[in-house]
Amino acid sequence: MRWGKKAATGSLAVMMAAAGAGLITAVPAEAATAKYKCKASATLDWGRPKATSSCSKSGSGKKITKHRVVLVCDVLRGTGTGAGHTIPWTLKGDWKRPGEKSTVMCGFRSFLRSYKVETK
């Protein structure tokens, strides 16, 4: 009978430790889902379109874990004696945490078409 009590006590201790570990990991997950407002801005860097996105804490924002900037540029092609044409080119920045900035740039001979922030 003693052996049965020791086994039961040991398994109870393992279950309590597992439950305690689950509670410890649950607290940071709730803190990571704070509400944020994200914004994007575009500038010219030596004639090249450059877009940056950032997110800051806000009470009225939405819950996010990552964000990135998406930049659409018109790339100029075929500028010989004929008429040139433009091709839309989409560039996406790296996924960043809310406190960090995501940045992306178009190449030379490009014109800014649009920019936005993607979140997840």
C-alpha atoms as a PDB file:
ATOM      1  CA  MET A   1       0.000   0.000   0.000  1.00  0.00           C
ATOM      2  CA  ARG A   2       2.894   2.346   0.677  1.00  0.00           C
ATOM      3  CA  TRP A   3       4.089   2.064  -2.877  1.00  0.00           C
ATOM      4  CA  GLY A   4       0.650   3.113  -4.190  1.00  0.00           C
ATOM      5  CA  LYS A   5       0.598   6.232  -1.990  1.00  0.00           C
ATOM      6  CA  LYS A   6       4.052   7.281  -3.191  1.00  0.00           C
ATOM      7  CA  ALA A   7       3.067   6.835  -6.833  1.00  0.00           C
ATOM      8  CA  ALA A   8      -0.143   8.798  -6.321  1.00  0.00           C
ATOM      9  CA  THR A   9       1.721  11.595  -4.523  1.00  0.00           C
ATOM     10  CA  GLY A  10       4.356  11.726  -7.270  1.00  0.00           C
ATOM     11  CA  SER A  11       1.801  11.907 -10.066  1.00  0.00           C
ATOM     12  CA  LEU A  12      -0.111  14.614  -8.194  1.00  0.00           C
ATOM     13  CA  ALA A  13       3.098  16.658  -7.891  1.00  0.00           C
ATOM     14  CA  VAL A  14       3.748  16.301 -11.637  1.00  0.00           C
ATOM     15  CA  MET A  15       0.205  17.452 -12.450  1.00  0.00           C
ATOM     16  CA  MET A  16       0.512  20.472 -10.121  1.00  0.00           C
ATOM     17  CA  ALA A  17       3.867  21.438 -11.673  1.00  0.00           C
ATOM     18  CA  ALA A  18       2.421  21.178 -15.182  1.00  0.00           C
ATOM     19  CA  ALA A  19      -0.568  23.319 -14.207  1.00  0.00           C
ATOM     20  CA  GLY A  20       1.746  25.895 -12.614  1.00  0.00           C
ATOM     21  CA  ALA A  21       3.904  26.028 -15.750  1.00  0.00           C
ATOM     22  CA  GLY A  22       0.793  26.607 -17.841  1.00  0.00           C
ATOM     23  CA  LEU A  23      -0.211  29.558 -15.681  1.00  0.00           C
ATOM     24  CA  ILE A  24       3.239  31.098 -15.927  1.00  0.00           C
ATOM     25  CA  THR A  25       3.264  30.967 -19.734  1.00  0.00           C
ATOM     26  CA  ALA A  26      -0.307  32.296 -20.049  1.00  0.00           C
ATOM     27  CA  VAL A  27       0.467  35.678 -18.469  1.00  0.00           C
ATOM     28  CA  PRO A  28       2.985  36.932 -21.096  1.00  0.00           C
ATOM     29  CA  ALA A  29       0.635  35.847 -23.900  1.00  0.00           C
ATOM     30  CA  GLU A  30      -2.064  38.178 -22.586  1.00  0.00           C
ATOM     31  CA  ALA A  31       0.393  41.056 -22.317  1.00  0.00           C
ATOM     32  CA  ALA A  32       1.469  40.539 -25.942  1.00  0.00           C
ATOM     33  CA  THR A  33      -2.066  41.144 -27.214  1.00  0.00           C
ATOM     34  CA  ALA A  34      -2.214  44.813 -26.245  1.00  0.00           C
ATOM     35  CA  LYS A  35      -4.025  47.211 -28.575  1.00  0.00           C
ATOM     36  CA  TYR A  36      -2.010  49.189 -31.125  1.00  0.00           C
ATOM     37  CA  LYS A  37      -2.580  51.784 -33.836  1.00  0.00           C
ATOM     38  CA  CYS A  38      -0.372  51.470 -36.902  1.00  0.00           C
ATOM     39  CA  LYS A  39       0.569  54.094 -39.455  1.00  0.00           C
ATOM     40  CA  ALA A  40       2.631  54.249 -42.621  1.00  0.00           C
ATOM     41  CA  SER A  41       4.516  57.121 -44.185  1.00  0.00           C
ATOM     42  CA  ALA A  42       6.390  57.577 -47.449  1.00  0.00           C
ATOM     43  CA  THR A  43       9.345  59.800 -48.310  1.00  0.00           C
ATOM     44  CA  LEU A  44      11.923  60.160 -51.072  1.00  0.00           C
ATOM     45  CA  ASP A  45      15.470  59.011 -50.348  1.00  0.00           C
ATOM     46  CA  TRP A  46      17.744  60.291 -53.118  1.00  0.00           C
ATOM     47  CA  GLY A  47      14.832  60.101 -55.548  1.00  0.00           C
ATOM     48  CA  ARG A  48      13.780  56.605 -54.509  1.00  0.00           C
ATOM     49  CA  PRO A  49      10.404  56.049 -52.821  1.00  0.00           C
ATOM     50  CA  LYS A  50      10.817  54.772 -49.260  1.00  0.00           C
ATOM     51  CA  ALA A  51       7.967  53.692 -46.944  1.00  0.00           C
ATOM     52  CA  THR A  52       8.055  53.073 -43.199  1.00  0.00           C
ATOM     53  CA  SER A  53       5.415  51.628 -40.872  1.00  0.00           C
ATOM     54  CA  SER A  54       5.264  51.787 -37.090  1.00  0.00           C
ATOM     55  CA  CYS A  55       2.771  50.818 -34.394  1.00  0.00           C
ATOM     56  CA  SER A  56       2.224  52.443 -31.018  1.00  0.00           C
ATOM     57  CA  LYS A  57       0.052  51.473 -28.047  1.00  0.00           C
ATOM     58  CA  SER A  58      -3.455  52.861 -28.087  1.00  0.00           C
ATOM     59  CA  GLY A  59      -6.601  52.151 -26.128  1.00  0.00           C
ATOM     60  CA  SER A  60      -8.786  52.265 -29.239  1.00  0.00           C
ATOM     61  CA  GLY A  61      -6.570  50.274 -31.617  1.00  0.00           C
ATOM     62  CA  LYS A  62      -6.663  46.582 -32.486  1.00  0.00           C
ATOM     63  CA  LYS A  63      -4.790  43.585 -31.117  1.00  0.00           C
ATOM     64  CA  ILE A  64      -1.756  42.719 -33.255  1.00  0.00           C
ATOM     65  CA  THR A  65       1.464  40.785 -32.863  1.00  0.00           C
ATOM     66  CA  LYS A  66       3.362  41.870 -36.010  1.00  0.00           C
ATOM     67  CA  HIS A  67       3.219  44.482 -38.773  1.00  0.00           C
ATOM     68  CA  ARG A  68       4.948  45.339 -42.039  1.00  0.00           C
ATOM     69  CA  VAL A  69       4.814  48.010 -44.718  1.00  0.00           C
ATOM     70  CA  VAL A  70       3.711  47.301 -48.297  1.00  0.00           C
ATOM     71  CA  LEU A  71       4.938  49.661 -51.019  1.00  0.00           C
ATOM     72  CA  VAL A  72       3.698  49.700 -54.625  1.00  0.00           C
ATOM     73  CA  CYS A  73       5.919  51.507 -57.135  1.00  0.00           C
ATOM     74  CA  ASP A  74       5.609  52.165 -60.861  1.00  0.00           C
ATOM     75  CA  VAL A  75       8.891  51.071 -62.447  1.00  0.00           C
ATOM     76  CA  LEU A  76       9.775  52.865 -65.680  1.00  0.00           C
ATOM     77  CA  ARG A  77      10.774  50.513 -68.542  1.00  0.00           C
ATOM     78  CA  GLY A  78      11.704  51.004 -72.195  1.00  0.00           C
ATOM     79  CA  THR A  79      12.897  54.603 -72.338  1.00  0.00           C
ATOM     80  CA  GLY A  80      14.671  54.397 -75.690  1.00  0.00           C
ATOM     81  CA  THR A  81      13.399  56.227 -78.771  1.00  0.00           C
ATOM     82  CA  GLY A  82       9.933  54.725 -78.262  1.00  0.00           C
ATOM     83  CA  ALA A  83       7.497  55.608 -75.549  1.00  0.00           C
ATOM     84  CA  GLY A  84       8.335  54.163 -72.135  1.00  0.00           C
ATOM     85  CA  HIS A  85       5.846  52.309 -70.021  1.00  0.00           C
ATOM     86  CA  THR A  86       5.468  51.629 -66.323  1.00  0.00           C
ATOM     87  CA  ILE A  87       5.041  48.340 -64.492  1.00  0.00           C
ATOM     88  CA  PRO A  88       3.529  48.210 -60.986  1.00  0.00           C
ATOM     89  CA  TRP A  89       5.949  46.565 -58.566  1.00  0.00           C
ATOM     90  CA  THR A  90       4.954  45.497 -55.036  1.00  0.00           C
ATOM     91  CA  LEU A  91       7.558  45.386 -52.281  1.00  0.00           C
ATOM     92  CA  LYS A  92       6.907  44.153 -48.737  1.00  0.00           C
ATOM     93  CA  GLY A  93       8.975  44.921 -45.650  1.00  0.00           C
ATOM     94  CA  ASP A  94       9.980  42.434 -42.973  1.00  0.00           C
ATOM     95  CA  TRP A  95       7.497  41.479 -40.249  1.00  0.00           C
ATOM     96  CA  LYS A  96       8.315  43.484 -37.115  1.00  0.00           C
ATOM     97  CA  ARG A  97       7.006  43.648 -33.551  1.00  0.00           C
ATOM     98  CA  PRO A  98       4.823  46.639 -32.610  1.00  0.00           C
ATOM     99  CA  GLY A  99       7.686  48.667 -31.084  1.00  0.00           C
ATOM    100  CA  GLU A 100       9.919  48.354 -34.175  1.00  0.00           C
ATOM    101  CA  LYS A 101       9.788  49.998 -37.619  1.00  0.00           C
ATOM    102  CA  SER A 102       9.406  48.170 -40.926  1.00  0.00           C
ATOM    103  CA  THR A 103      11.052  49.880 -43.918  1.00  0.00           C
ATOM    104  CA  VAL A 104      11.244  49.136 -47.640  1.00  0.00           C
ATOM    105  CA  MET A 105      12.538  51.088 -50.684  1.00  0.00           C
ATOM    106  CA  CYS A 106      11.872  50.982 -54.412  1.00  0.00           C
ATOM    107  CA  GLY A 107      14.701  51.033 -56.914  1.00  0.00           C
ATOM    108  CA  PHE A 108      15.835  53.934 -59.061  1.00  0.00           C
ATOM    109  CA  ARG A 109      13.589  54.986 -61.977  1.00  0.00           C
ATOM    110  CA  SER A 110      10.522  54.258 -59.836  1.00  0.00           C
ATOM    111  CA  PHE A 111       7.528  56.361 -58.887  1.00  0.00           C
ATOM    112  CA  LEU A 112       5.388  55.998 -55.784  1.00  0.00           C
ATOM    113  CA  ARG A 113       1.938  54.520 -56.443  1.00  0.00           C
ATOM    114  CA  SER A 114       0.676  53.535 -52.949  1.00  0.00           C
ATOM    115  CA  TYR A 115       1.682  52.286 -49.508  1.00  0.00           C
ATOM    116  CA  LYS A 116      -0.096  50.633 -46.573  1.00  0.00           C
ATOM    117  CA  VAL A 117       0.416  48.659 -43.357  1.00  0.00           C
ATOM    118  CA  GLU A 118      -0.343  44.934 -43.041  1.00  0.00           C
ATOM    119  CA  THR A 119      -0.898  43.447 -39.603  1.00  0.00           C
ATOM    120  CA  LYS A 120      -1.364  40.018 -38.069  1.00  0.00           C
END
